[in-house]
Each structure stands twice: as C-alpha cells, then as structure tokens.
Protein backbone atom coordinates (compact mmCIF):
# COMPACT_ATOMS: atom_id res chain seq x y z
CA UNK A 1 0.00 0.00 0.00
CA UNK A 2 1.45 3.38 -1.01
CA UNK A 3 1.03 6.78 0.63
CA UNK A 4 1.67 10.31 -0.52
CA UNK A 5 5.28 11.26 -0.01
CA UNK A 6 4.52 14.37 2.05
CA UNK A 7 2.30 12.30 4.36
CA UNK A 8 5.09 9.78 4.97
CA UNK A 9 7.60 12.55 5.69
CA UNK A 10 5.19 14.26 8.08
CA UNK A 11 4.42 11.00 9.88
CA UNK A 12 8.13 10.70 10.66
CA UNK A 13 8.05 13.99 12.54
CA UNK A 14 9.98 16.07 9.99
CA UNK A 15 7.30 18.76 9.83
CA UNK A 16 3.77 19.43 8.69
CA UNK A 17 2.50 18.18 5.33
CA UNK A 18 2.55 21.72 3.98
CA UNK A 19 6.15 22.17 5.06
CA UNK A 20 7.09 18.83 3.50
CA UNK A 21 5.55 19.93 0.20
CA UNK A 22 7.82 22.98 0.29
CA UNK A 23 10.82 20.73 0.88
CA UNK A 24 9.85 18.58 -2.11
CA UNK A 25 9.47 21.63 -4.37
CA UNK A 26 12.83 22.93 -3.11
CA UNK A 27 14.52 19.71 -4.21
CA UNK A 28 15.45 18.55 -0.72
CA UNK A 29 13.78 15.14 -1.10
CA UNK A 30 14.76 12.24 -3.36
CA UNK A 31 13.02 8.92 -4.00
CA UNK A 32 15.10 6.02 -5.29
CA UNK A 33 17.87 8.40 -6.26
CA UNK A 34 15.62 10.77 -8.23
CA UNK A 35 14.39 14.22 -7.25
CA UNK A 36 10.90 13.90 -5.78
CA UNK A 37 7.87 15.77 -7.11
CA UNK A 38 4.53 16.71 -5.61
CA UNK A 39 2.15 13.81 -6.12
CA UNK A 40 4.75 11.04 -5.67
CA UNK A 41 3.54 8.02 -3.73
CA UNK A 42 5.87 5.69 -1.85
CA UNK A 43 5.78 2.40 0.03
CA UNK A 44 8.15 0.42 2.24
CA UNK A 45 10.22 -0.70 -0.76
CA UNK A 46 11.19 2.86 -1.77
CA UNK A 47 14.39 4.61 -0.70
CA UNK A 48 13.72 8.12 0.56
CA UNK A 49 16.48 10.66 1.22
CA UNK A 50 16.13 14.10 2.78
CA UNK A 51 18.99 16.54 2.24
CA UNK A 52 21.07 13.58 1.09
CA UNK A 53 20.46 11.50 4.22
CA UNK A 54 18.57 8.23 4.01
CA UNK A 55 15.27 8.16 5.87
CA UNK A 56 14.71 4.95 7.80
CA UNK A 57 11.03 4.12 7.46
CA UNK A 58 9.44 3.19 10.74
CA UNK A 59 5.89 2.24 9.88
CA UNK A 60 5.66 0.12 13.03
CA UNK A 61 6.82 2.95 15.28
CA UNK A 62 4.16 3.94 17.78
CA UNK A 63 3.33 7.67 17.87
CA UNK A 64 4.03 9.72 20.95
CA UNK A 65 2.12 12.68 22.39
CA UNK A 66 3.33 14.94 25.18
CA UNK A 67 1.22 17.28 27.29
CA UNK A 68 3.09 20.31 28.62
CA UNK A 69 2.03 22.96 31.11
CA UNK A 70 3.88 25.80 29.41
CA UNK A 71 5.20 28.63 31.54
CA UNK A 72 4.98 32.29 30.62
CA UNK A 73 8.22 33.61 29.18
CA UNK A 74 8.94 30.45 27.18
CA UNK A 75 8.53 30.50 23.39
CA UNK A 76 7.29 27.80 21.01
CA UNK A 77 9.85 28.23 18.24
CA UNK A 78 12.60 25.64 17.89
CA UNK A 79 15.46 28.16 18.02
CA UNK A 80 15.53 31.79 19.11
CA UNK A 81 18.16 34.32 17.93
CA UNK A 82 17.65 36.23 21.19
CA UNK A 83 18.54 33.19 23.26
CA UNK A 84 15.21 32.93 25.04
CA UNK A 85 14.09 29.62 26.51
CA UNK A 86 12.06 27.42 24.16
CA UNK A 87 9.62 24.62 24.95
CA UNK A 88 11.79 22.15 23.01
CA UNK A 89 14.61 22.37 25.55
CA UNK A 90 12.59 20.42 28.14
CA UNK A 91 11.54 17.55 25.85
CA UNK A 92 12.90 13.99 25.84
CA UNK A 93 15.28 13.20 23.01
CA UNK A 94 14.18 10.96 20.14
CA UNK A 95 16.39 9.03 17.74
CA UNK A 96 14.64 9.96 14.50
CA UNK A 97 12.28 12.74 13.48
CA UNK A 98 11.50 15.53 15.90
CA UNK A 99 8.86 16.86 18.25
CA UNK A 100 6.17 18.97 16.60
CA UNK A 101 4.07 21.45 18.56
CA UNK A 102 0.33 21.31 17.93
CA UNK A 103 -0.54 24.98 17.60
CA UNK A 104 1.33 27.57 19.61
CA UNK A 105 1.10 29.76 22.67
CA UNK A 106 2.77 33.15 22.60
CA UNK A 107 5.48 34.11 25.06
CA UNK A 108 3.02 35.77 27.46
CA UNK A 109 0.58 32.83 27.49
CA UNK A 110 0.73 29.65 29.54
CA UNK A 111 -1.02 26.34 29.88
CA UNK A 112 -1.71 23.32 27.71
CA UNK A 113 0.65 22.67 24.81
CA UNK A 114 0.57 19.40 22.85
CA UNK A 115 3.66 18.00 21.15
CA UNK A 116 3.85 14.88 19.00
CA UNK A 117 6.16 12.85 16.80
CA UNK A 118 3.33 12.29 14.29
CA UNK A 119 3.01 15.05 11.70
CA UNK A 120 -0.30 13.61 10.44
CA UNK A 121 -1.79 13.86 13.92
CA UNK A 122 -0.49 17.44 14.33
CA UNK A 123 -2.03 18.39 10.98
CA UNK A 124 -5.40 16.86 11.84
CA UNK A 125 -5.54 18.52 15.26
CA UNK A 126 -4.73 22.00 13.94
CA UNK A 127 -6.69 22.07 10.65
CA UNK A 128 -9.93 24.09 11.00
CA UNK A 129 -11.94 21.52 9.04
CA UNK A 130 -11.42 18.96 11.81
CA UNK A 131 -13.66 20.92 14.18
CA UNK A 132 -11.40 20.79 17.26
CA UNK A 133 -11.95 23.67 19.70
CA UNK A 134 -9.63 25.27 22.27
CA UNK A 135 -10.56 26.57 25.71
CA UNK A 136 -8.74 29.34 27.58
CA UNK A 137 -8.90 30.76 31.10
CA UNK A 138 -8.66 34.53 30.65
CA UNK A 139 -8.21 37.27 33.25
CA UNK A 140 -9.33 40.72 32.13
CA UNK A 141 -9.61 44.15 33.70
CA UNK A 142 -13.23 44.72 34.64
CA UNK A 143 -16.37 42.61 34.34
CA UNK A 144 -18.13 42.25 30.99
CA UNK A 145 -21.78 43.16 30.63
CA UNK A 146 -24.25 40.66 29.13
CA UNK A 147 -24.22 42.84 26.01
CA UNK A 148 -20.43 42.60 25.82
CA UNK A 149 -20.57 38.80 26.02
CA UNK A 150 -23.28 38.64 23.36
CA UNK A 151 -21.21 40.83 21.07
CA UNK A 152 -18.14 38.61 21.40
CA UNK A 153 -20.27 35.54 20.68
CA UNK A 154 -21.98 37.17 17.71
CA UNK A 155 -18.71 38.38 16.21
CA UNK A 156 -16.65 41.55 15.89
CA UNK A 157 -14.63 42.92 13.01
CA UNK A 158 -10.87 42.66 13.50
CA UNK A 159 -8.68 43.77 10.61
CA UNK A 160 -11.46 43.15 8.10
CA UNK A 161 -12.42 39.68 9.41
CA UNK A 162 -15.24 38.63 11.69
CA UNK A 163 -13.91 36.92 14.79
CA UNK A 164 -15.93 35.36 17.61
CA UNK A 165 -15.86 33.04 20.57
CA UNK A 166 -17.93 29.88 20.22
CA UNK A 167 -18.52 29.98 23.99
CA UNK A 168 -17.75 32.56 26.66
CA UNK A 169 -18.65 32.20 30.35
CA UNK A 170 -17.90 34.09 33.54
CA UNK A 171 -15.80 32.09 36.00
CA UNK A 172 -14.73 34.17 39.01
CA UNK A 173 -13.28 37.48 40.09
CA UNK A 174 -13.43 40.61 42.19
CA UNK A 175 -12.39 44.23 41.94
CA UNK A 176 -10.62 44.85 38.63
CA UNK A 177 -9.65 41.23 37.93
CA UNK A 178 -12.27 38.91 36.47
CA UNK A 179 -11.80 35.45 34.98
CA UNK A 180 -13.64 34.06 31.98
CA UNK A 181 -13.48 30.78 30.13
CA UNK A 182 -13.41 31.43 26.39
CA UNK A 183 -13.61 28.87 23.57
CA UNK A 184 -12.29 29.29 20.02
CA UNK A 185 -12.55 27.01 17.02
CA UNK A 186 -9.22 28.02 15.46
CA UNK A 187 -7.10 29.91 17.96
CA UNK A 188 -5.28 32.28 15.61
CA UNK A 189 -2.32 34.31 16.80
CA UNK A 190 -3.38 36.76 19.56
CA UNK A 191 -7.07 36.09 18.76
CA UNK A 192 -8.20 35.92 22.41
CA UNK A 193 -6.42 39.16 23.27
CA UNK A 194 -7.71 40.85 20.12
CA UNK A 195 -11.31 39.87 20.84
CA UNK A 196 -11.26 41.24 24.38
CA UNK A 197 -9.26 44.23 23.14
CA UNK A 198 -12.09 45.09 20.73
CA UNK A 199 -14.11 45.99 23.84
CA UNK A 200 -11.27 47.93 25.41
CA UNK A 201 -10.48 45.12 27.83
CA UNK A 202 -6.85 44.24 28.49
CA UNK A 203 -6.00 40.57 29.04
CA UNK A 204 -3.61 40.28 31.99
CA UNK A 205 -3.43 36.46 32.13
CA UNK A 206 -4.08 33.88 29.42
CA UNK A 207 -3.90 30.15 30.02
CA UNK A 208 -5.02 27.37 27.69
CA UNK A 209 -6.81 24.68 29.70
CA UNK A 210 -8.16 22.38 26.98
CA UNK A 211 -7.40 21.39 23.39
CA UNK A 212 -10.33 19.41 22.03
CA UNK A 213 -10.66 16.34 24.30
CA UNK A 214 -7.25 16.89 25.95
CA UNK A 215 -7.32 18.77 29.24
CA UNK A 216 -4.58 20.38 31.31
CA UNK A 217 -4.52 18.21 34.47
CA UNK A 218 -4.47 20.05 37.78
CA UNK A 219 -1.55 17.90 38.99
CA UNK A 220 0.76 18.93 36.13
CA UNK A 221 2.86 21.79 37.48
CA UNK A 222 4.05 24.74 35.40
CA UNK A 223 6.92 23.77 33.14
CA UNK A 224 6.30 20.04 33.56
CA UNK A 225 5.64 17.51 30.79
CA UNK A 226 3.80 14.19 30.85
CA UNK A 227 3.37 11.61 28.10
CA UNK A 228 -0.04 10.38 26.98
CA UNK A 229 -0.66 6.71 27.73
CA UNK A 230 -1.68 4.03 25.20
CA UNK A 231 -5.38 4.04 26.10
CA UNK A 232 -5.64 7.80 25.63
CA UNK A 233 -3.68 7.56 22.36
CA UNK A 234 -6.10 4.95 21.04
CA UNK A 235 -9.08 7.11 22.01
CA UNK A 236 -7.60 10.26 20.45
CA UNK A 237 -6.70 8.53 17.18
CA UNK A 238 -10.12 6.90 17.07
CA UNK A 239 -11.83 10.27 17.50
CA UNK A 240 -9.80 11.68 14.60
CA UNK A 241 -10.32 8.52 12.51
CA UNK A 242 -6.59 7.96 12.16
CA UNK A 243 -4.90 4.54 12.12
CA UNK A 244 -2.50 3.91 14.98
CA UNK A 245 0.32 1.48 15.65
CA UNK A 246 0.64 0.55 19.30
CA UNK A 247 3.53 -1.32 20.85
CA UNK A 248 4.60 -1.99 24.41
CA UNK A 249 7.10 0.63 25.51
CA UNK A 250 9.46 0.88 28.49
CA UNK A 251 8.82 4.63 28.64
CA UNK A 252 6.87 5.98 31.56
CA UNK A 253 3.53 7.40 30.46
CA UNK A 254 0.71 8.99 32.41
CA UNK A 255 -1.29 6.47 34.42
CA UNK A 256 -4.16 8.95 34.61
CA UNK A 257 -6.30 9.89 31.65
CA UNK A 258 -5.70 13.27 30.05
CA UNK A 259 -8.94 13.16 28.03
CA UNK A 260 -12.56 14.10 28.64
CA UNK A 261 -15.62 12.84 26.71
CA UNK A 262 -15.85 14.71 23.42
CA UNK A 263 -18.52 14.96 20.71
CA UNK A 264 -18.05 12.92 17.55
CA UNK A 265 -16.28 14.94 14.88
CA UNK A 266 -17.80 15.50 11.44
C-alpha cells in the first residue's frame, strides 16, 4: 500500500505536510535516487532521502504525544536568535524525526501545549476543518456586561475579518480582575487578546486549559511535561479517525487519563 510522499515525511516527525511539500518543491527530497515531485507516492520498498540523508522508514513505530504545562516567558519556536528559553529544551530526546508542537502559545501565554512525533496527527488537530476547539482561562480588567458577552459571541470585526468566541462564560473574580473561560474554534495568533481588546479590555493572564478532548490536568505543574498513555492515544486517534500502531514501551507514560468525553467529529 502506497502513501503520498509528504504524508510519509510528516508522519516521521519532519514537519507538517505543507512544510514537507515545500521541501519537495525545493529539491530537498529524493526517492530512489531521483528528485521527488509533488504527487509522488511511496511504500516500504522505496528509498527516501532528505537533504542527502537516508530516511529509515518506521511504519511500526508507535506515535508519541506529550502534554506540557507551558510557563509564561517560554517561546514555542525551535530556536531563538535572542537566546530565550524554548519549549523544546525540556523535551525527551528521540532518535529519528522531531517533536512537533500542535498549535502555539505566545510568550506571554501559559497552559496546555501538545507535542507529538506524528506530523499527520499534528495536521489533523490544527486544521480548521477537523472541528477541534480550544478553551482558555482569561483574566481581564473589569467585568463584561451581558451585552459585551453577546457581542463577542456574535462576532466583531478585527482587521477586516469577523472573529468570535464559540462559547464565553464568567468564571470568578473581584475588583478589577475577572476570569472568563473562552472557547475558540481556530485559535489564531493573539485572537483571544484581540477579541477582548475590541471591547477595550486588556487581558492580563491567558492560560489554555483544553485542546479538544485533551485537558490540562491540575496535577501537572508549570513547566512540567507528561506523556499520553496508550489508552488515551487509542481514544484520540479513534476520535480523529486515524490509524494507529501501538507497541509496548518501556517509557513511563501517564497512568491517569488526560482526556474528557468529546462529541463525535464531522
């Protein structure tokens, strides 16, 4: 059975499918000694090289998913010219491929960050058509009126586009500091801050607490990482209708579930 070349490359943790397509166009990928092209399909008999180095196919390799409680002040890029701390510095080393972050959190945001070795999984979790939502705990200056909440649910114009929360509920607060739980379907860069900013409200704390069915467990301290166990992996892949290879592993994974019940995806 053959698969698209960019899918195979992404599944080995080299990057997203879109990024792999760019590598193919740039001539960085060869199949059986010939420059690859978009549309090529490969199977286990093909020899794939990336930047001149042979790629060892690992179709039986089980995927891995990490859940991190990101701290503020840490960035999600792999390398930083300014020398700031990145989330990748705290991750376990892997022999082949690399860790891919599922979405991002900016330097001033904290909370749930998913990382995986499976580019196909990362693509499915981040693509808007999948229908995965994201939930944030947000602290703002001042309490919103019912009209303010309705406006943010109905949609506001930000740089020529209509943006909205799919759910927005008051959580707690007093004085100038009030907490809300806000849900987005895409989670674009600075979207939560921009939405509250459209009402003149400054976000002073922003913490992601859920990504689809994956929750940020209360026992995971800031800066810590835990690995998703095999039962949760099977559930997550089943929800996304993705095939999964599972094998016994000596690695320590979370003995407690990191998932909550989640509606069936379209």
